[in-house]
Amino acid sequence: MKEVPEKHPEFDPETYTDPILEECYRIKAELSAQFKNLDEFFAYVRALEEEGKRNGVKYVPYDPSKRLPIEKSEDDD
């Protein structure tokens, strides 16, 4: 379903910036500046997880068998 321009006359697609995407881009730039590659990033995350476990943080294991199936709606045809 397309939005008609009459509904939002103040909207300008040329200058619109999505704040959520801007935050994602900012975080991505920070991570790229801090870590040279994904291996370094995942090693950092693993170290944080281990430190959390030592400090008593409990992690719930992921059980894929308990995942609910996604129901297709009639609009997805």
C-alpha atoms as a PDB file:
ATOM      1  CA  MET A   1       0.000   0.000   0.000  1.00  0.00           C
ATOM      2  CA  LYS A   2       1.518   3.304  -1.054  1.00  0.00           C
ATOM      3  CA  GLU A   3       1.201   6.502   0.884  1.00  0.00           C
ATOM      4  CA  VAL A   4      -0.360   9.278  -1.105  1.00  0.00           C
ATOM      5  CA  PRO A   5       1.468  12.633  -0.907  1.00  0.00           C
ATOM      6  CA  GLU A   6      -1.731  14.390   0.122  1.00  0.00           C
ATOM      7  CA  LYS A   7      -1.669  12.613   3.498  1.00  0.00           C
ATOM      8  CA  HIS A   8       1.757  14.018   4.452  1.00  0.00           C
ATOM      9  CA  PRO A   9       2.415  17.259   2.565  1.00  0.00           C
ATOM     10  CA  GLU A  10       5.335  18.181   4.904  1.00  0.00           C
ATOM     11  CA  PHE A  11       7.216  14.955   4.056  1.00  0.00           C
ATOM     12  CA  ASP A  12      10.179  15.463   1.720  1.00  0.00           C
ATOM     13  CA  PRO A  13      11.783  12.146   0.650  1.00  0.00           C
ATOM     14  CA  GLU A  14      14.932  13.956  -0.517  1.00  0.00           C
ATOM     15  CA  THR A  15      15.806  15.274   2.956  1.00  0.00           C
ATOM     16  CA  TYR A  16      14.222  12.589   5.175  1.00  0.00           C
ATOM     17  CA  THR A  17      16.568  10.669   7.462  1.00  0.00           C
ATOM     18  CA  ASP A  18      15.379   7.749   9.533  1.00  0.00           C
ATOM     19  CA  PRO A  19      16.623   8.182  13.130  1.00  0.00           C
ATOM     20  CA  ILE A  20      16.755   4.421  13.707  1.00  0.00           C
ATOM     21  CA  LEU A  21      18.936   3.892  10.640  1.00  0.00           C
ATOM     22  CA  GLU A  22      21.138   6.818  11.635  1.00  0.00           C
ATOM     23  CA  GLU A  23      21.716   5.179  15.032  1.00  0.00           C
ATOM     24  CA  CYS A  24      22.545   1.854  13.332  1.00  0.00           C
ATOM     25  CA  TYR A  25      25.048   3.594  11.048  1.00  0.00           C
ATOM     26  CA  ARG A  26      26.632   5.374  14.041  1.00  0.00           C
ATOM     27  CA  ILE A  27      27.028   2.117  15.980  1.00  0.00           C
ATOM     28  CA  LYS A  28      28.447   0.363  12.909  1.00  0.00           C
ATOM     29  CA  ALA A  29      31.019   3.154  12.453  1.00  0.00           C
ATOM     30  CA  GLU A  30      32.028   2.946  16.132  1.00  0.00           C
ATOM     31  CA  LEU A  31      32.467  -0.843  15.957  1.00  0.00           C
ATOM     32  CA  SER A  32      34.422  -0.575  12.710  1.00  0.00           C
ATOM     33  CA  ALA A  33      36.747   1.961  14.304  1.00  0.00           C
ATOM     34  CA  GLN A  34      37.273  -0.184  17.402  1.00  0.00           C
ATOM     35  CA  PHE A  35      37.725  -3.617  15.779  1.00  0.00           C
ATOM     36  CA  LYS A  36      39.679  -4.465  12.630  1.00  0.00           C
ATOM     37  CA  ASN A  37      37.593  -7.527  11.712  1.00  0.00           C
ATOM     38  CA  LEU A  38      34.725  -9.707  12.900  1.00  0.00           C
ATOM     39  CA  ASP A  39      37.035 -12.177  14.647  1.00  0.00           C
ATOM     40  CA  GLU A  40      38.265  -9.426  16.992  1.00  0.00           C
ATOM     41  CA  PHE A  41      34.693  -8.315  17.667  1.00  0.00           C
ATOM     42  CA  PHE A  42      33.476 -11.843  18.455  1.00  0.00           C
ATOM     43  CA  ALA A  43      36.485 -12.449  20.711  1.00  0.00           C
ATOM     44  CA  TYR A  44      35.543  -9.267  22.583  1.00  0.00           C
ATOM     45  CA  VAL A  45      31.909 -10.409  22.909  1.00  0.00           C
ATOM     46  CA  ARG A  46      33.022 -13.856  24.113  1.00  0.00           C
ATOM     47  CA  ALA A  47      35.279 -12.219  26.721  1.00  0.00           C
ATOM     48  CA  LEU A  48      32.361 -10.078  27.943  1.00  0.00           C
ATOM     49  CA  GLU A  49      30.183 -13.178  28.185  1.00  0.00           C
ATOM     50  CA  GLU A  50      32.824 -15.061  30.181  1.00  0.00           C
ATOM     51  CA  GLU A  51      33.274 -12.087  32.504  1.00  0.00           C
ATOM     52  CA  GLY A  52      29.511 -11.983  33.021  1.00  0.00           C
ATOM     53  CA  LYS A  53      29.436 -15.687  33.858  1.00  0.00           C
ATOM     54  CA  ARG A  54      32.219 -15.182  36.414  1.00  0.00           C
ATOM     55  CA  ASN A  55      30.168 -12.351  37.954  1.00  0.00           C
ATOM     56  CA  GLY A  56      27.077 -14.543  38.249  1.00  0.00           C
ATOM     57  CA  VAL A  57      25.115 -13.592  35.137  1.00  0.00           C
ATOM     58  CA  LYS A  58      23.049 -16.550  33.989  1.00  0.00           C
ATOM     59  CA  TYR A  59      22.437 -17.144  30.297  1.00  0.00           C
ATOM     60  CA  VAL A  60      19.407 -19.092  29.101  1.00  0.00           C
ATOM     61  CA  PRO A  61      20.315 -21.609  26.392  1.00  0.00           C
ATOM     62  CA  TYR A  62      18.507 -21.251  23.093  1.00  0.00           C
ATOM     63  CA  ASP A  63      16.265 -24.203  22.282  1.00  0.00           C
ATOM     64  CA  PRO A  64      15.232 -24.124  18.601  1.00  0.00           C
ATOM     65  CA  SER A  65      12.675 -26.902  19.160  1.00  0.00           C
ATOM     66  CA  LYS A  66      10.541 -24.491  21.231  1.00  0.00           C
ATOM     67  CA  ARG A  67      10.371 -21.909  18.452  1.00  0.00           C
ATOM     68  CA  LEU A  68       6.860 -21.226  17.209  1.00  0.00           C
ATOM     69  CA  PRO A  69       6.310 -21.547  13.460  1.00  0.00           C
ATOM     70  CA  ILE A  70       5.692 -18.314  11.590  1.00  0.00           C
ATOM     71  CA  GLU A  71       2.202 -18.175  10.204  1.00  0.00           C
ATOM     72  CA  LYS A  72       1.810 -16.704   6.739  1.00  0.00           C
ATOM     73  CA  SER A  73      -0.869 -14.107   6.419  1.00  0.00           C
ATOM     74  CA  GLU A  74      -3.114 -13.890   3.388  1.00  0.00           C
ATOM     75  CA  ASP A  75      -1.413 -10.614   2.368  1.00  0.00           C
ATOM     76  CA  ASP A  76       1.933 -12.389   1.743  1.00  0.00           C
ATOM     77  CA  ASP A  77       0.732 -14.118  -1.436  1.00  0.00           C
END
